[in-house]
N, C-alpha and C. Protein backbone atom coordinates (compact mmCIF):
# COMPACT_ATOMS: atom_id res chain seq x y z
N MET A 1 10.02 -15.72 19.58
CA MET A 1 9.15 -14.77 18.93
C MET A 1 8.67 -15.35 17.60
N SER A 2 7.42 -15.16 17.30
CA SER A 2 6.83 -15.68 16.07
C SER A 2 7.25 -14.85 14.88
N ALA A 3 7.40 -15.49 13.73
CA ALA A 3 7.76 -14.78 12.51
C ALA A 3 6.55 -14.06 11.92
N LYS A 4 5.36 -14.44 12.36
CA LYS A 4 4.13 -13.83 11.84
C LYS A 4 3.77 -12.62 12.73
N PRO A 5 3.40 -11.49 12.10
CA PRO A 5 3.04 -10.32 12.91
C PRO A 5 1.83 -10.63 13.78
N SER A 6 1.81 -10.04 14.96
CA SER A 6 0.67 -10.25 15.84
C SER A 6 -0.57 -9.65 15.20
N ASP A 7 -1.71 -10.18 15.61
CA ASP A 7 -2.97 -9.66 15.09
C ASP A 7 -3.14 -8.18 15.43
N GLU A 8 -2.65 -7.79 16.60
CA GLU A 8 -2.76 -6.39 17.02
C GLU A 8 -1.95 -5.47 16.11
N LEU A 9 -0.71 -5.86 15.83
CA LEU A 9 0.13 -5.05 14.94
C LEU A 9 -0.46 -5.01 13.53
N ALA A 10 -0.91 -6.15 13.06
CA ALA A 10 -1.52 -6.20 11.72
C ALA A 10 -2.73 -5.30 11.66
N GLN A 11 -3.55 -5.30 12.69
CA GLN A 11 -4.74 -4.45 12.71
C GLN A 11 -4.38 -2.98 12.71
N MET A 12 -3.31 -2.62 13.44
CA MET A 12 -2.85 -1.22 13.46
C MET A 12 -2.47 -0.78 12.05
N ILE A 13 -1.77 -1.64 11.34
CA ILE A 13 -1.33 -1.33 9.98
C ILE A 13 -2.52 -1.27 9.03
N LEU A 14 -3.37 -2.26 9.08
CA LEU A 14 -4.50 -2.31 8.14
C LEU A 14 -5.49 -1.18 8.37
N SER A 15 -5.61 -0.71 9.62
CA SER A 15 -6.52 0.41 9.88
C SER A 15 -6.02 1.69 9.22
N VAL A 16 -4.69 1.85 9.10
CA VAL A 16 -4.14 3.01 8.39
C VAL A 16 -4.32 2.85 6.89
N VAL A 17 -4.06 1.66 6.37
CA VAL A 17 -4.23 1.41 4.93
C VAL A 17 -5.67 1.72 4.52
N ALA A 18 -6.62 1.39 5.36
CA ALA A 18 -8.04 1.62 5.05
C ALA A 18 -8.35 3.11 4.88
N LEU A 19 -7.53 3.99 5.44
CA LEU A 19 -7.77 5.44 5.39
C LEU A 19 -7.25 6.11 4.12
N ILE A 20 -6.40 5.43 3.36
CA ILE A 20 -5.82 6.06 2.16
C ILE A 20 -6.94 6.31 1.16
N PRO A 21 -7.16 7.57 0.78
CA PRO A 21 -8.27 7.87 -0.13
C PRO A 21 -7.98 7.45 -1.57
N PRO A 22 -9.03 7.21 -2.33
CA PRO A 22 -8.85 6.90 -3.76
C PRO A 22 -8.05 8.02 -4.44
N GLY A 23 -7.18 7.62 -5.35
CA GLY A 23 -6.38 8.60 -6.09
C GLY A 23 -5.13 9.04 -5.37
N LYS A 24 -4.85 8.44 -4.22
CA LYS A 24 -3.64 8.77 -3.45
C LYS A 24 -2.88 7.50 -3.15
N VAL A 25 -1.59 7.63 -2.84
CA VAL A 25 -0.75 6.50 -2.47
C VAL A 25 0.01 6.85 -1.19
N ALA A 26 0.52 5.82 -0.53
CA ALA A 26 1.35 6.00 0.65
C ALA A 26 2.47 4.96 0.58
N SER A 27 3.60 5.30 1.17
CA SER A 27 4.72 4.35 1.17
C SER A 27 4.58 3.41 2.36
N TYR A 28 5.30 2.29 2.27
CA TYR A 28 5.30 1.32 3.36
C TYR A 28 5.77 2.00 4.66
N GLY A 29 6.82 2.81 4.57
CA GLY A 29 7.33 3.50 5.74
C GLY A 29 6.35 4.51 6.30
N GLN A 30 5.65 5.20 5.43
CA GLN A 30 4.64 6.17 5.86
C GLN A 30 3.52 5.45 6.62
N ILE A 31 3.09 4.32 6.12
CA ILE A 31 2.04 3.55 6.80
C ILE A 31 2.55 3.12 8.17
N ALA A 32 3.79 2.64 8.24
CA ALA A 32 4.36 2.22 9.52
C ALA A 32 4.37 3.38 10.52
N ARG A 33 4.82 4.55 10.09
CA ARG A 33 4.85 5.72 10.99
C ARG A 33 3.46 6.09 11.46
N LEU A 34 2.50 6.14 10.54
CA LEU A 34 1.13 6.52 10.90
C LEU A 34 0.47 5.49 11.81
N ALA A 35 0.92 4.24 11.75
CA ALA A 35 0.39 3.19 12.61
C ALA A 35 1.10 3.16 13.97
N GLY A 36 2.05 4.07 14.16
CA GLY A 36 2.79 4.10 15.42
C GLY A 36 3.92 3.09 15.48
N LEU A 37 4.36 2.65 14.29
CA LEU A 37 5.42 1.64 14.20
C LEU A 37 6.56 2.15 13.32
N PRO A 38 7.17 3.29 13.68
CA PRO A 38 8.24 3.82 12.83
C PRO A 38 9.34 2.79 12.62
N ARG A 39 9.95 2.85 11.45
CA ARG A 39 11.05 1.96 11.07
C ARG A 39 10.62 0.50 10.90
N HIS A 40 9.35 0.29 10.63
CA HIS A 40 8.84 -1.07 10.42
C HIS A 40 8.15 -1.21 9.06
N ALA A 41 8.74 -0.59 8.04
CA ALA A 41 8.17 -0.65 6.69
C ALA A 41 8.06 -2.10 6.20
N ARG A 42 9.05 -2.92 6.52
CA ARG A 42 9.01 -4.32 6.08
C ARG A 42 7.85 -5.08 6.71
N LEU A 43 7.52 -4.72 7.94
CA LEU A 43 6.38 -5.35 8.60
C LEU A 43 5.10 -5.00 7.85
N VAL A 44 4.98 -3.76 7.38
CA VAL A 44 3.82 -3.36 6.59
C VAL A 44 3.73 -4.23 5.34
N GLY A 45 4.84 -4.41 4.66
CA GLY A 45 4.86 -5.26 3.47
C GLY A 45 4.44 -6.68 3.77
N ARG A 46 4.93 -7.20 4.89
CA ARG A 46 4.57 -8.58 5.25
C ARG A 46 3.08 -8.70 5.57
N VAL A 47 2.55 -7.74 6.32
CA VAL A 47 1.12 -7.78 6.65
C VAL A 47 0.29 -7.72 5.37
N LEU A 48 0.66 -6.84 4.45
CA LEU A 48 -0.10 -6.73 3.20
C LEU A 48 0.02 -8.00 2.36
N SER A 49 1.17 -8.62 2.38
CA SER A 49 1.35 -9.84 1.58
C SER A 49 0.54 -11.01 2.15
N GLU A 50 0.20 -10.94 3.42
CA GLU A 50 -0.58 -12.00 4.06
C GLU A 50 -2.08 -11.72 4.08
N MET A 51 -2.49 -10.59 3.50
CA MET A 51 -3.92 -10.25 3.47
C MET A 51 -4.70 -11.24 2.64
N ASP A 52 -5.94 -11.44 3.01
CA ASP A 52 -6.86 -12.27 2.24
C ASP A 52 -7.11 -11.59 0.90
N GLU A 53 -6.99 -12.33 -0.19
CA GLU A 53 -7.16 -11.74 -1.52
C GLU A 53 -8.57 -11.19 -1.74
N ALA A 54 -9.54 -11.66 -0.96
CA ALA A 54 -10.91 -11.18 -1.09
C ALA A 54 -11.14 -9.86 -0.33
N SER A 55 -10.13 -9.40 0.38
CA SER A 55 -10.26 -8.17 1.17
C SER A 55 -10.53 -6.97 0.27
N ASP A 56 -11.33 -6.05 0.77
CA ASP A 56 -11.60 -4.83 0.01
C ASP A 56 -10.73 -3.66 0.47
N LEU A 57 -9.74 -3.94 1.33
CA LEU A 57 -8.82 -2.88 1.74
C LEU A 57 -7.99 -2.44 0.53
N PRO A 58 -7.67 -1.15 0.45
CA PRO A 58 -6.95 -0.63 -0.73
C PRO A 58 -5.44 -0.88 -0.68
N TRP A 59 -5.04 -2.13 -0.66
CA TRP A 59 -3.62 -2.52 -0.62
C TRP A 59 -2.85 -1.92 -1.78
N HIS A 60 -3.55 -1.73 -2.91
CA HIS A 60 -2.89 -1.25 -4.12
C HIS A 60 -2.39 0.18 -3.99
N ARG A 61 -2.82 0.90 -2.97
CA ARG A 61 -2.41 2.29 -2.77
C ARG A 61 -1.10 2.40 -1.99
N VAL A 62 -0.50 1.28 -1.63
CA VAL A 62 0.76 1.27 -0.88
C VAL A 62 1.89 0.90 -1.83
N ILE A 63 2.87 1.81 -1.92
CA ILE A 63 4.00 1.65 -2.83
C ILE A 63 5.30 1.85 -2.05
N ASN A 64 6.43 1.66 -2.72
CA ASN A 64 7.69 1.85 -1.99
C ASN A 64 8.07 3.33 -1.91
N ALA A 65 9.10 3.62 -1.14
CA ALA A 65 9.49 5.00 -0.87
C ALA A 65 10.01 5.75 -2.09
N GLN A 66 10.38 5.02 -3.15
CA GLN A 66 10.83 5.65 -4.39
C GLN A 66 9.67 5.91 -5.35
N GLY A 67 8.45 5.61 -4.92
CA GLY A 67 7.29 5.82 -5.78
C GLY A 67 7.09 4.69 -6.77
N LYS A 68 7.69 3.54 -6.50
CA LYS A 68 7.59 2.41 -7.43
C LYS A 68 6.63 1.35 -6.92
N ILE A 69 5.97 0.74 -7.86
CA ILE A 69 5.12 -0.41 -7.56
C ILE A 69 6.03 -1.57 -7.21
N SER A 70 5.68 -2.26 -6.14
CA SER A 70 6.53 -3.39 -5.76
C SER A 70 5.78 -4.72 -5.76
N VAL A 71 4.48 -4.68 -6.02
CA VAL A 71 3.69 -5.91 -6.13
C VAL A 71 3.68 -6.31 -7.60
N MET A 72 4.06 -7.52 -7.89
CA MET A 72 4.20 -7.95 -9.27
C MET A 72 3.07 -8.89 -9.75
N LYS A 73 1.96 -8.93 -9.04
CA LYS A 73 0.84 -9.78 -9.45
C LYS A 73 0.27 -9.28 -10.77
N LYS A 74 -0.07 -10.21 -11.65
CA LYS A 74 -0.60 -9.86 -12.98
C LYS A 74 -2.04 -10.35 -13.11
N ASP A 75 -2.82 -9.66 -13.96
CA ASP A 75 -4.17 -10.12 -14.27
C ASP A 75 -4.09 -11.09 -15.45
N ALA A 76 -5.23 -11.56 -15.91
CA ALA A 76 -5.27 -12.56 -16.99
C ALA A 76 -4.64 -12.04 -18.29
N GLN A 77 -4.65 -10.73 -18.48
CA GLN A 77 -4.07 -10.13 -19.69
C GLN A 77 -2.59 -9.80 -19.52
N GLY A 78 -2.03 -10.10 -18.34
CA GLY A 78 -0.62 -9.84 -18.10
C GLY A 78 -0.31 -8.44 -17.60
N HIS A 79 -1.34 -7.67 -17.23
CA HIS A 79 -1.13 -6.32 -16.70
C HIS A 79 -0.93 -6.39 -15.19
N ASN A 80 -0.10 -5.52 -14.67
CA ASN A 80 0.15 -5.46 -13.24
C ASN A 80 -1.13 -5.03 -12.52
N LEU A 81 -1.60 -5.85 -11.57
CA LEU A 81 -2.86 -5.57 -10.86
C LEU A 81 -2.81 -4.26 -10.09
N GLN A 82 -1.69 -3.97 -9.48
CA GLN A 82 -1.58 -2.74 -8.71
C GLN A 82 -1.66 -1.52 -9.63
N ALA A 83 -0.95 -1.56 -10.74
CA ALA A 83 -0.98 -0.44 -11.68
C ALA A 83 -2.38 -0.25 -12.26
N VAL A 84 -3.04 -1.34 -12.62
CA VAL A 84 -4.40 -1.26 -13.17
C VAL A 84 -5.35 -0.63 -12.17
N SER A 85 -5.24 -1.03 -10.90
CA SER A 85 -6.11 -0.49 -9.85
C SER A 85 -5.85 1.00 -9.63
N LEU A 86 -4.58 1.39 -9.62
CA LEU A 86 -4.24 2.80 -9.44
C LEU A 86 -4.70 3.64 -10.63
N LEU A 87 -4.49 3.13 -11.83
CA LEU A 87 -4.93 3.85 -13.03
C LEU A 87 -6.44 4.06 -13.01
N ALA A 88 -7.19 3.08 -12.54
CA ALA A 88 -8.65 3.18 -12.46
C ALA A 88 -9.09 4.29 -11.51
N GLU A 89 -8.22 4.65 -10.56
CA GLU A 89 -8.52 5.72 -9.61
C GLU A 89 -7.96 7.07 -10.06
N GLY A 90 -7.36 7.11 -11.23
CA GLY A 90 -6.84 8.36 -11.75
C GLY A 90 -5.39 8.63 -11.42
N VAL A 91 -4.70 7.67 -10.83
CA VAL A 91 -3.28 7.83 -10.53
C VAL A 91 -2.49 7.49 -11.79
N VAL A 92 -1.64 8.40 -12.20
CA VAL A 92 -0.83 8.18 -13.39
C VAL A 92 0.36 7.29 -13.01
N VAL A 93 0.49 6.18 -13.74
CA VAL A 93 1.59 5.25 -13.52
C VAL A 93 2.41 5.23 -14.81
N ILE A 94 3.67 5.62 -14.71
CA ILE A 94 4.56 5.62 -15.87
C ILE A 94 5.60 4.54 -15.64
N GLY A 95 5.54 3.50 -16.45
CA GLY A 95 6.38 2.33 -16.21
C GLY A 95 5.88 1.65 -14.96
N ASP A 96 6.69 1.72 -13.92
CA ASP A 96 6.25 1.19 -12.63
C ASP A 96 6.33 2.26 -11.54
N ARG A 97 6.28 3.54 -11.98
CA ARG A 97 6.45 4.66 -11.04
C ARG A 97 5.23 5.56 -10.95
N ILE A 98 5.07 6.11 -9.75
CA ILE A 98 4.03 7.09 -9.45
C ILE A 98 4.75 8.34 -8.93
N HIS A 99 4.35 9.50 -9.37
CA HIS A 99 4.98 10.75 -8.92
C HIS A 99 4.46 11.07 -7.52
N LEU A 100 5.32 10.91 -6.52
CA LEU A 100 4.91 11.11 -5.14
C LEU A 100 4.50 12.56 -4.85
N GLY A 101 5.14 13.51 -5.51
CA GLY A 101 4.79 14.91 -5.29
C GLY A 101 3.34 15.21 -5.64
N THR A 102 2.80 14.44 -6.56
CA THR A 102 1.42 14.63 -7.01
C THR A 102 0.44 13.75 -6.25
N TYR A 103 0.81 12.50 -6.01
CA TYR A 103 -0.17 11.52 -5.54
C TYR A 103 0.01 11.03 -4.10
N GLN A 104 1.09 11.45 -3.42
CA GLN A 104 1.27 10.92 -2.07
C GLN A 104 0.24 11.51 -1.10
N TRP A 105 -0.37 10.64 -0.34
CA TRP A 105 -1.36 10.99 0.66
C TRP A 105 -0.70 11.79 1.79
N ASP A 106 -1.38 12.80 2.28
CA ASP A 106 -0.81 13.63 3.35
C ASP A 106 -1.00 13.01 4.73
N GLY A 107 -1.68 11.88 4.81
CA GLY A 107 -1.87 11.20 6.08
C GLY A 107 -3.04 11.68 6.88
N ILE A 108 -3.75 12.66 6.34
CA ILE A 108 -4.91 13.20 7.05
C ILE A 108 -6.16 12.47 6.56
N PRO A 109 -6.89 11.81 7.48
CA PRO A 109 -8.12 11.11 7.05
C PRO A 109 -9.12 12.08 6.44
N THR A 110 -9.77 11.62 5.36
CA THR A 110 -10.76 12.48 4.71
C THR A 110 -12.16 12.12 5.14
């Protein structure tokens, strides 16, 4: 078995990520469940980590189950790219946390 996710599985995951509306977040596990891959949160993380950096998919809207940012990429000023992107959409980020009760996506496409 290959260590790289199949294109079909990756597409299932990325199609769900594409549905997350601006100003909302979803957990890795939530994305896995909505893609029909329950208990495969790590696969979601791997697929997102292998995405082309030029992609316009909203990868920044995917966080861990505790509401924490887990991507540590920084911009030229040293700010976390994921936090900056979420803040630009109106998501309040305190430290490295997002309040899931306020910002978690309900999974219903808008």
